[in-house]
């Protein structure tokens, strides 16, 4: 599989799960994916957690006000550079290990 996957993670107030989902996304195949986090003006500390992330090659987008998931996704789409885009919710509802099956 070539480097053609971008994973967009829209989030709002996900401080309890944001680091775990990022680790899961980074660890899953394909390994050479682009990861884009869009924080939609979280108020629970999520923003600070994302700003302090030092692992992985992650693009970080921060909204200055809460616009909703649709706008967060559009912000992520604008930054995506690969042919295939997956949306990964930050609440652990979907398992990144399923990416290979999906692709």
Protein backbone atom coordinates (compact mmCIF):
# COMPACT_ATOMS: atom_id res chain seq x y z
CA UNK A 1 0.00 0.00 0.00
CA UNK A 2 1.42 3.39 -0.92
CA UNK A 3 1.23 6.65 0.98
CA UNK A 4 -2.26 7.53 -0.13
CA UNK A 5 -4.19 7.63 3.15
CA UNK A 6 -5.13 10.67 5.22
CA UNK A 7 -6.92 10.16 8.54
CA UNK A 8 -8.91 13.10 9.85
CA UNK A 9 -9.75 13.11 13.55
CA UNK A 10 -12.34 15.76 14.40
CA UNK A 11 -12.63 16.26 18.14
CA UNK A 12 -14.49 18.29 20.68
CA UNK A 13 -14.00 17.72 24.41
CA UNK A 14 -12.29 14.34 24.07
CA UNK A 15 -9.55 14.67 26.72
CA UNK A 16 -10.24 11.16 28.04
CA UNK A 17 -9.75 9.43 24.68
CA UNK A 18 -7.67 11.66 22.37
CA UNK A 19 -4.26 10.20 23.26
CA UNK A 20 -5.48 6.61 23.10
CA UNK A 21 -7.10 7.04 19.69
CA UNK A 22 -3.97 8.76 18.36
CA UNK A 23 -1.79 5.90 19.54
CA UNK A 24 -4.14 3.37 17.95
CA UNK A 25 -4.19 5.28 14.64
CA UNK A 26 -0.39 5.61 14.58
CA UNK A 27 0.13 1.91 15.34
CA UNK A 28 -2.30 0.53 12.76
CA UNK A 29 -1.56 -0.24 9.13
CA UNK A 30 -0.85 1.39 6.80
CA UNK A 31 2.04 2.91 8.75
CA UNK A 32 2.77 5.77 6.34
CA UNK A 33 -0.54 7.59 6.71
CA UNK A 34 -1.10 11.31 7.20
CA UNK A 35 -2.90 12.17 10.46
CA UNK A 36 -4.84 15.41 10.85
CA UNK A 37 -6.46 16.38 14.16
CA UNK A 38 -9.06 19.13 14.12
CA UNK A 39 -9.90 20.47 17.57
CA UNK A 40 -13.23 22.30 17.40
CA UNK A 41 -12.54 24.70 20.30
CA UNK A 42 -12.64 22.14 23.11
CA UNK A 43 -13.19 23.50 26.60
CA UNK A 44 -12.20 20.45 28.69
CA UNK A 45 -8.41 20.48 28.22
CA UNK A 46 -8.32 18.57 24.92
CA UNK A 47 -6.72 21.54 23.15
CA UNK A 48 -3.78 21.61 25.57
CA UNK A 49 -3.28 17.85 25.27
CA UNK A 50 -3.14 18.11 21.47
CA UNK A 51 -0.76 21.08 21.58
CA UNK A 52 1.62 19.06 23.78
CA UNK A 53 1.71 15.97 21.58
CA UNK A 54 5.31 15.34 20.54
CA UNK A 55 5.01 11.88 18.97
CA UNK A 56 4.05 11.10 15.40
CA UNK A 57 3.87 13.32 12.37
CA UNK A 58 0.52 14.94 13.09
CA UNK A 59 -1.03 18.02 11.54
CA UNK A 60 -2.95 19.99 14.16
CA UNK A 61 -5.76 22.41 13.40
CA UNK A 62 -7.43 24.49 16.11
CA UNK A 63 -10.74 26.29 15.65
CA UNK A 64 -11.11 29.52 17.60
CA UNK A 65 -14.80 28.82 18.21
CA UNK A 66 -17.00 25.75 18.13
CA UNK A 67 -18.40 25.32 14.63
CA UNK A 68 -19.49 21.68 14.76
CA UNK A 69 -18.28 18.44 13.24
CA UNK A 70 -19.09 19.39 9.64
CA UNK A 71 -16.80 22.42 9.70
CA UNK A 72 -14.11 20.41 11.52
CA UNK A 73 -14.23 17.84 8.74
CA UNK A 74 -14.05 20.52 6.03
CA UNK A 75 -10.99 22.02 7.77
CA UNK A 76 -9.37 18.59 7.76
CA UNK A 77 -10.25 17.94 4.11
CA UNK A 78 -8.51 21.20 3.13
CA UNK A 79 -5.27 19.98 4.73
CA UNK A 80 -5.40 16.40 3.47
CA UNK A 81 -2.85 15.65 0.76
CA UNK A 82 -3.56 12.00 -0.01
CA UNK A 83 -5.96 10.21 -2.36
CA UNK A 84 -7.99 8.39 0.29
CA UNK A 85 -9.46 10.12 3.34
CA UNK A 86 -10.83 8.31 6.39
CA UNK A 87 -12.65 9.96 9.26
CA UNK A 88 -11.76 8.63 12.70
CA UNK A 89 -13.93 9.85 15.56
CA UNK A 90 -11.95 10.52 18.72
CA UNK A 91 -14.36 8.68 21.03
CA UNK A 92 -12.98 5.17 20.26
CA UNK A 93 -16.22 4.10 18.53
CA UNK A 94 -14.34 2.78 15.49
CA UNK A 95 -11.24 0.59 15.58
CA UNK A 96 -8.31 1.76 13.42
CA UNK A 97 -7.30 -1.90 12.98
CA UNK A 98 -10.20 -2.09 10.52
CA UNK A 99 -8.55 0.36 8.07
CA UNK A 100 -6.88 -2.40 6.05
CA UNK A 101 -10.19 -4.25 5.62
CA UNK A 102 -11.95 -1.04 4.66
CA UNK A 103 -9.29 -0.09 2.13
